[in-house]
Amino acid sequence: MSNHDNRPNDLPLPDSQAASEQELQEMVSANDTGARIPHGWQGSVLLGVALLWSLFQLWIASPLPFYDWPVIGSFGIFNDTEVRAIHLAFATFLAFTAYPAFARSSRHRIPVGDMVLSLLAAFAASYIFVFYDQLLSRPGLPNTQDVAVAVAGLVLLLEATRRTLGPPLMIVAMVFLAYSLAGAYMPDIIAHKGIDLEPLINHQWLTTEGVFGIALGVSSSFVFLFVLFGALLDKAGAGNYFIQVAFSLLGHMRGGPAKAAVVSSGLTGLISGSSIANVVTTGTFAAETPIPNHPDDEAGRFYL
C-alpha cells in the first residue's frame, strides 16, 4: 500500500493543497503588488512607473550623480528632503493605481477616479520638492496654497494607507491627529494645550519633522533597496533554493519536515517581507516520505 493510502480517511487535505495554483498566485499578488492587475496601456503605465522608481532609487544610491561627466558635469543630485518627497510621490501614485478602493472594485482596469487621485497624491507628496525654494524662503509661514495642498496630502496619504495596509494603521494615525487638535479637551492625565490646524499641517507636511521625517528617510535610503534586492532574489528562484537547503540540512532528522519548514520560512523571510508569500512558498508542501527510523509509524507523516 502506498504512503498516500496509509493516510487516515478523516484527515482533510490542507487548504493550501485544495486551493489551485492560480488562486495562490492571486493571493500573493494581492498582498505584494496590489490586488489590481490592469491590462493594456494602464498595465504598461504601472510597470513603467515601478521601473522608473527602481531606477531612481538605484541612481541616488550610487556614486554616479557625483561623477564629473564630460561636457555636462555632475547632475541628478538631490538632498535628503527632495529624495523623500519623490520617494513618497512614487509610492502614493502606485498605491492608488495598484490597490483598488474596495473589494468589489475592478481588478483589471484603473477607474478614472483612481487615476485622478493618484496624480493628486503624487503632486501633494512632491510639493515640498517642486516648491522647495519658496518654502525655504518662508519657514513656518504657510500660505493658503500650502495649507490646502498639505490637508489634501494628509487625507490622500491616509486613504493610501487604508488601501495598502488596511484600516487599523489609518485609524491609529487619525486618533493621534485628533489628539493633537483636541488635547485641551482630553482628561487631565493626557491633556495638553492643543494645537491649531495650520501649525499642525505645517509640521506634518511642510517640514522634515512629520511625514517627511526619519522613517521616510530610512525607507528611501535603505528599506527600498533591500526590498528591491529581495524581490530580485525571489524572482530568480532563491525561495525554492532556501527550501532545498533546509531539507538537505534537516530533512533526515526526526520531525525533519517541520524543522525544515521553520528554517526555510526564516530564510525566505530574508528576501520577502510578505507573510502570505512566505506561506505559499514554504508552507504548502507535504512530506510524503516517513521520517527515518519510523517507517511504519503513521506519525512519521507530517502535513503542512
Protein backbone atom coordinates (compact mmCIF):
# COMPACT_ATOMS: atom_id res chain seq x y z
CA MET A 1 0.00 0.00 0.00
CA SER A 2 1.38 3.42 -0.89
CA ASN A 3 2.13 6.08 1.64
CA HIS A 4 -0.78 8.09 0.31
CA ASP A 5 -3.17 5.20 1.01
CA ASN A 6 -1.93 4.96 4.61
CA ARG A 7 -3.24 8.46 5.33
CA PRO A 8 -6.37 8.28 7.52
CA ASN A 9 -9.56 8.93 5.59
CA ASP A 10 -10.73 11.54 8.08
CA LEU A 11 -7.58 13.66 7.66
CA PRO A 12 -8.61 16.55 5.41
CA LEU A 13 -6.29 18.00 2.88
CA PRO A 14 -4.81 21.31 3.93
CA ASP A 15 -6.47 24.37 2.46
CA SER A 16 -3.22 25.24 0.67
CA GLN A 17 -3.34 21.92 -1.19
CA ALA A 18 -7.03 22.28 -2.02
CA ALA A 19 -6.53 25.75 -3.49
CA SER A 20 -5.45 25.96 -7.07
CA GLU A 21 -2.10 27.33 -8.08
CA GLN A 22 -3.81 30.29 -9.73
CA GLU A 23 -5.64 31.20 -6.52
CA LEU A 24 -2.39 31.05 -4.56
CA GLN A 25 -0.62 33.29 -7.04
CA GLU A 26 -3.52 35.77 -6.96
CA MET A 27 -3.29 35.79 -3.17
CA VAL A 28 0.42 36.58 -3.27
CA SER A 29 -0.08 39.19 -5.97
CA ALA A 30 -2.81 40.93 -4.00
CA ASN A 31 -0.50 41.19 -1.00
CA ASP A 32 2.76 42.06 -2.74
CA THR A 33 1.89 44.15 -5.78
CA GLY A 34 -1.71 45.12 -5.17
CA ALA A 35 -4.90 43.29 -6.00
CA ARG A 36 -5.27 45.14 -9.30
CA ILE A 37 -3.56 43.87 -12.46
CA PRO A 38 -4.73 46.17 -15.28
CA HIS A 39 -4.42 45.27 -18.93
CA GLY A 40 -3.35 47.33 -21.92
CA TRP A 41 -1.79 50.76 -21.61
CA GLN A 42 -2.75 51.04 -17.94
CA GLY A 43 -0.67 47.98 -17.11
CA SER A 44 2.21 49.44 -19.08
CA VAL A 45 1.94 52.68 -17.09
CA LEU A 46 2.12 50.80 -13.78
CA LEU A 47 5.11 48.81 -14.97
CA GLY A 48 6.83 51.95 -16.25
CA VAL A 49 6.30 53.87 -13.01
CA ALA A 50 7.56 50.97 -10.90
CA LEU A 51 10.62 50.63 -13.14
CA LEU A 52 11.27 54.38 -13.04
CA TRP A 53 11.01 54.33 -9.23
CA SER A 54 13.54 51.49 -9.01
CA LEU A 55 15.95 53.25 -11.35
CA PHE A 56 15.62 56.48 -9.36
CA GLN A 57 16.43 54.69 -6.11
CA LEU A 58 19.42 52.95 -7.66
CA TRP A 59 20.62 56.27 -9.10
CA ILE A 60 20.61 58.15 -5.80
CA ALA A 61 22.23 55.20 -4.01
CA SER A 62 25.11 55.09 -6.49
CA PRO A 63 28.07 57.47 -6.88
CA LEU A 64 27.02 58.28 -10.46
CA PRO A 65 25.32 61.63 -9.65
CA PHE A 66 28.62 62.95 -8.26
CA TYR A 67 30.71 61.82 -11.22
CA ASP A 68 32.17 64.60 -13.34
CA TRP A 69 30.68 63.60 -16.66
CA PRO A 70 32.19 65.00 -19.87
CA VAL A 71 30.53 68.20 -21.11
CA ILE A 72 27.56 68.08 -18.72
CA GLY A 73 29.43 67.53 -15.45
CA SER A 74 27.59 66.31 -12.36
CA PHE A 75 23.80 66.14 -12.43
CA GLY A 76 20.85 64.47 -10.72
CA ILE A 77 21.99 65.35 -7.19
CA PHE A 78 19.16 65.55 -4.64
CA ASN A 79 19.25 66.36 -0.95
CA ASP A 80 17.51 64.16 1.63
CA THR A 81 14.29 66.18 1.70
CA GLU A 82 13.91 66.09 -2.08
CA VAL A 83 14.58 62.35 -2.17
CA ARG A 84 11.93 61.71 0.47
CA ALA A 85 9.36 63.77 -1.44
CA ILE A 86 10.00 61.97 -4.73
CA HIS A 87 10.01 58.61 -2.96
CA LEU A 88 6.61 59.28 -1.40
CA ALA A 89 5.23 60.58 -4.71
CA PHE A 90 6.04 57.28 -6.43
CA ALA A 91 4.59 55.30 -3.51
CA THR A 92 1.28 57.17 -3.35
CA PHE A 93 0.83 57.05 -7.11
CA LEU A 94 1.19 53.27 -7.13
CA ALA A 95 -0.97 52.91 -4.02
CA PHE A 96 -3.99 54.42 -5.80
CA THR A 97 -3.38 52.68 -9.12
CA ALA A 98 -2.34 49.20 -7.95
CA TYR A 99 -4.71 48.83 -4.99
CA PRO A 100 -8.48 49.08 -5.55
CA ALA A 101 -10.59 51.10 -3.16
CA PHE A 102 -12.99 48.29 -2.28
CA ALA A 103 -13.25 44.53 -2.64
CA ARG A 104 -15.86 44.91 -5.37
CA SER A 105 -13.74 47.36 -7.38
CA SER A 106 -12.42 46.37 -10.78
CA ARG A 107 -9.23 44.29 -10.81
CA HIS A 108 -8.37 44.67 -14.48
CA ARG A 109 -8.70 48.39 -15.11
CA ILE A 110 -7.96 51.60 -13.24
CA PRO A 111 -11.03 53.81 -12.86
CA VAL A 112 -10.73 57.45 -13.83
CA GLY A 113 -11.30 58.46 -10.23
CA ASP A 114 -8.31 56.44 -9.03
CA MET A 115 -6.13 57.91 -11.78
CA VAL A 116 -7.08 61.42 -10.67
CA LEU A 117 -6.45 60.58 -7.02
CA SER A 118 -3.07 59.06 -7.88
CA LEU A 119 -1.98 62.21 -9.70
CA LEU A 120 -3.22 64.47 -6.90
CA ALA A 121 -1.46 62.34 -4.28
CA ALA A 122 1.79 62.34 -6.26
CA PHE A 123 1.61 66.13 -6.65
CA ALA A 124 0.89 66.66 -2.95
CA ALA A 125 3.77 64.37 -1.97
CA SER A 126 6.19 66.09 -4.34
CA TYR A 127 5.01 69.59 -3.36
CA ILE A 128 7.91 70.05 -0.97
CA PHE A 129 10.26 69.19 -3.87
CA VAL A 130 8.58 71.31 -6.54
CA PHE A 131 8.31 74.40 -4.32
CA TYR A 132 11.44 73.75 -2.29
CA ASP A 133 12.98 77.22 -2.70
CA GLN A 134 9.71 79.04 -1.96
CA LEU A 135 9.13 77.02 1.20
CA LEU A 136 12.67 77.78 2.37
CA SER A 137 12.00 81.50 1.99
CA ARG A 138 9.03 81.40 4.41
CA PRO A 139 9.68 78.72 7.05
CA GLY A 140 6.81 78.27 9.45
CA LEU A 141 4.60 80.67 7.49
CA PRO A 142 2.49 78.56 5.13
CA ASN A 143 0.18 80.38 2.75
CA THR A 144 -3.27 79.27 1.69
CA GLN A 145 -1.93 77.11 -1.13
CA ASP A 146 0.50 75.35 1.21
CA VAL A 147 -2.25 74.56 3.71
CA ALA A 148 -4.66 73.33 1.04
CA VAL A 149 -2.09 71.01 -0.52
CA ALA A 150 -0.96 69.75 2.89
CA VAL A 151 -4.51 68.93 4.00
CA ALA A 152 -5.21 67.13 0.73
CA GLY A 153 -1.89 65.29 1.02
CA LEU A 154 -2.64 64.04 4.53
CA VAL A 155 -6.13 62.86 3.56
CA LEU A 156 -4.83 61.09 0.45
CA LEU A 157 -1.98 59.52 2.41
CA LEU A 158 -4.45 58.14 4.95
CA GLU A 159 -6.52 56.67 2.12
CA ALA A 160 -3.41 55.17 0.50
CA THR A 161 -2.57 53.60 3.87
CA ARG A 162 -6.04 52.12 4.13
CA ARG A 163 -5.81 50.60 0.67
CA THR A 164 -2.39 49.06 1.10
CA LEU A 165 -2.28 48.11 4.80
CA GLY A 166 -5.90 48.12 5.90
CA PRO A 167 -7.92 50.35 8.25
CA PRO A 168 -6.05 49.74 11.58
CA LEU A 169 -2.96 51.83 10.81
CA MET A 170 -5.10 54.58 9.27
CA ILE A 171 -7.29 54.68 12.38
CA VAL A 172 -4.24 54.92 14.67
CA ALA A 173 -2.91 57.87 12.64
CA MET A 174 -6.28 59.60 12.73
CA VAL A 175 -6.54 59.13 16.50
CA PHE A 176 -3.20 60.84 17.08
CA LEU A 177 -4.05 63.66 14.68
CA ALA A 178 -7.30 64.21 16.58
CA TYR A 179 -5.39 64.07 19.86
CA SER A 180 -3.07 66.84 18.63
CA LEU A 181 -6.04 69.09 17.83
CA ALA A 182 -8.23 68.25 20.82
CA GLY A 183 -5.61 67.97 23.53
CA ALA A 184 -7.20 70.72 25.63
CA TYR A 185 -10.41 68.67 25.93
CA MET A 186 -8.77 65.42 27.00
CA PRO A 187 -8.67 64.02 30.55
CA ASP A 188 -6.15 65.77 32.76
CA ILE A 189 -3.68 62.91 32.72
CA ILE A 190 -3.20 63.14 28.93
CA ALA A 191 -4.31 66.72 28.32
CA HIS A 192 -2.18 69.36 26.63
CA LYS A 193 -2.87 72.87 25.39
CA GLY A 194 -3.65 71.61 21.88
CA ILE A 195 -2.55 72.98 18.55
CA ASP A 196 -4.33 74.79 15.74
CA LEU A 197 -4.88 73.21 12.34
CA GLU A 198 -2.41 75.40 10.45
CA PRO A 199 0.64 74.73 12.69
CA LEU A 200 -0.25 71.02 12.73
CA ILE A 201 -0.46 70.86 8.95
CA ASN A 202 2.78 72.79 8.60
CA HIS A 203 4.54 70.41 10.98
CA GLN A 204 3.19 67.26 9.41
CA TRP A 205 3.58 68.06 5.70
CA LEU A 206 5.82 71.07 5.10
CA THR A 207 8.77 70.22 7.34
CA THR A 208 11.02 67.20 7.88
CA GLU A 209 9.52 66.51 11.32
CA GLY A 210 6.26 64.85 10.29
CA VAL A 211 5.51 62.71 7.24
CA PHE A 212 8.86 63.56 5.68
CA GLY A 213 10.76 62.63 8.83
CA ILE A 214 13.29 59.97 9.76
CA ALA A 215 11.03 57.00 8.99
CA LEU A 216 10.52 58.08 5.38
CA GLY A 217 14.23 58.86 5.14
CA VAL A 218 15.12 55.31 6.19
CA SER A 219 12.61 53.93 3.68
CA SER A 220 14.03 55.98 0.81
CA SER A 221 17.68 55.35 1.71
CA PHE A 222 17.79 51.72 2.87
CA VAL A 223 14.49 49.84 3.01
CA PHE A 224 13.62 50.21 -0.66
CA LEU A 225 16.98 48.83 -1.79
CA PHE A 226 16.65 45.78 0.47
CA VAL A 227 13.11 45.14 -0.75
CA LEU A 228 14.22 45.50 -4.37
CA PHE A 229 17.14 43.13 -3.87
CA GLY A 230 14.90 40.63 -2.10
CA ALA A 231 12.34 40.78 -4.91
CA LEU A 232 15.04 40.12 -7.49
CA LEU A 233 16.33 37.15 -5.50
CA ASP A 234 12.82 35.79 -5.10
CA LYS A 235 12.11 36.02 -8.82
CA ALA A 236 15.47 34.34 -9.51
CA GLY A 237 14.36 31.26 -7.55
CA ALA A 238 16.03 31.91 -4.21
CA GLY A 239 12.87 30.86 -2.37
CA ASN A 240 12.97 27.34 -3.77
CA TYR A 241 16.74 27.22 -3.14
CA PHE A 242 16.19 28.02 0.54
CA ILE A 243 13.65 25.21 0.80
CA GLN A 244 16.10 22.73 -0.71
CA VAL A 245 18.87 23.89 1.63
CA ALA A 246 16.62 23.46 4.67
CA PHE A 247 15.60 19.94 3.60
CA SER A 248 19.18 18.91 2.91
CA LEU A 249 20.23 20.03 6.40
CA LEU A 250 17.24 18.89 8.46
CA GLY A 251 15.08 16.59 6.34
CA HIS A 252 16.78 13.41 7.61
CA MET A 253 16.12 14.20 11.29
CA ARG A 254 13.16 13.20 13.37
CA GLY A 255 10.49 15.77 12.65
CA GLY A 256 12.68 16.95 9.81
CA PRO A 257 9.91 18.36 7.60
CA ALA A 258 8.67 20.57 10.41
CA LYS A 259 12.18 21.78 11.21
CA ALA A 260 12.90 22.35 7.55
CA ALA A 261 9.69 24.36 7.23
CA VAL A 262 10.75 26.65 10.07
CA VAL A 263 14.26 27.17 8.68
CA SER A 264 13.13 27.66 5.10
CA SER A 265 10.46 30.10 6.27
CA GLY A 266 13.09 32.12 8.13
CA LEU A 267 15.42 32.14 5.13
CA THR A 268 12.61 33.16 2.81
CA GLY A 269 11.81 36.00 5.18
CA LEU A 270 15.22 37.43 4.36
CA ILE A 271 14.12 38.19 0.80
CA SER A 272 10.37 38.65 1.22
CA GLY A 273 8.54 40.70 3.81
CA SER A 274 5.22 39.17 2.81
CA SER A 275 3.74 36.64 5.22
CA ILE A 276 1.36 35.35 2.54
CA ALA A 277 4.16 34.82 0.02
CA ASN A 278 6.17 33.09 2.72
CA VAL A 279 3.38 30.62 3.48
CA VAL A 280 2.67 29.95 -0.18
CA THR A 281 6.36 29.39 -0.89
CA THR A 282 7.39 27.32 2.11
CA GLY A 283 4.21 26.09 3.79
CA THR A 284 2.29 24.32 1.03
CA PHE A 285 4.40 21.23 0.64
CA ALA A 286 3.72 17.85 2.25
CA ALA A 287 6.35 15.36 3.26
CA GLU A 288 5.31 12.17 1.53
CA THR A 289 8.23 10.16 2.95
CA PRO A 290 8.01 8.86 6.53
CA ILE A 291 10.64 10.19 8.88
CA PRO A 292 13.70 7.89 9.17
CA ASN A 293 13.67 5.27 11.93
CA HIS A 294 9.87 5.34 11.92
CA PRO A 295 8.91 3.71 8.62
CA ASP A 296 5.70 2.15 9.95
CA ASP A 297 4.65 4.94 12.25
CA GLU A 298 1.78 6.99 10.86
CA ALA A 299 3.04 9.93 12.95
CA GLY A 300 6.07 9.96 10.68
CA ARG A 301 3.93 11.70 8.07
CA PHE A 302 3.82 15.46 8.54
CA TYR A 303 1.46 17.62 6.53
CA LEU A 304 1.82 21.41 6.49
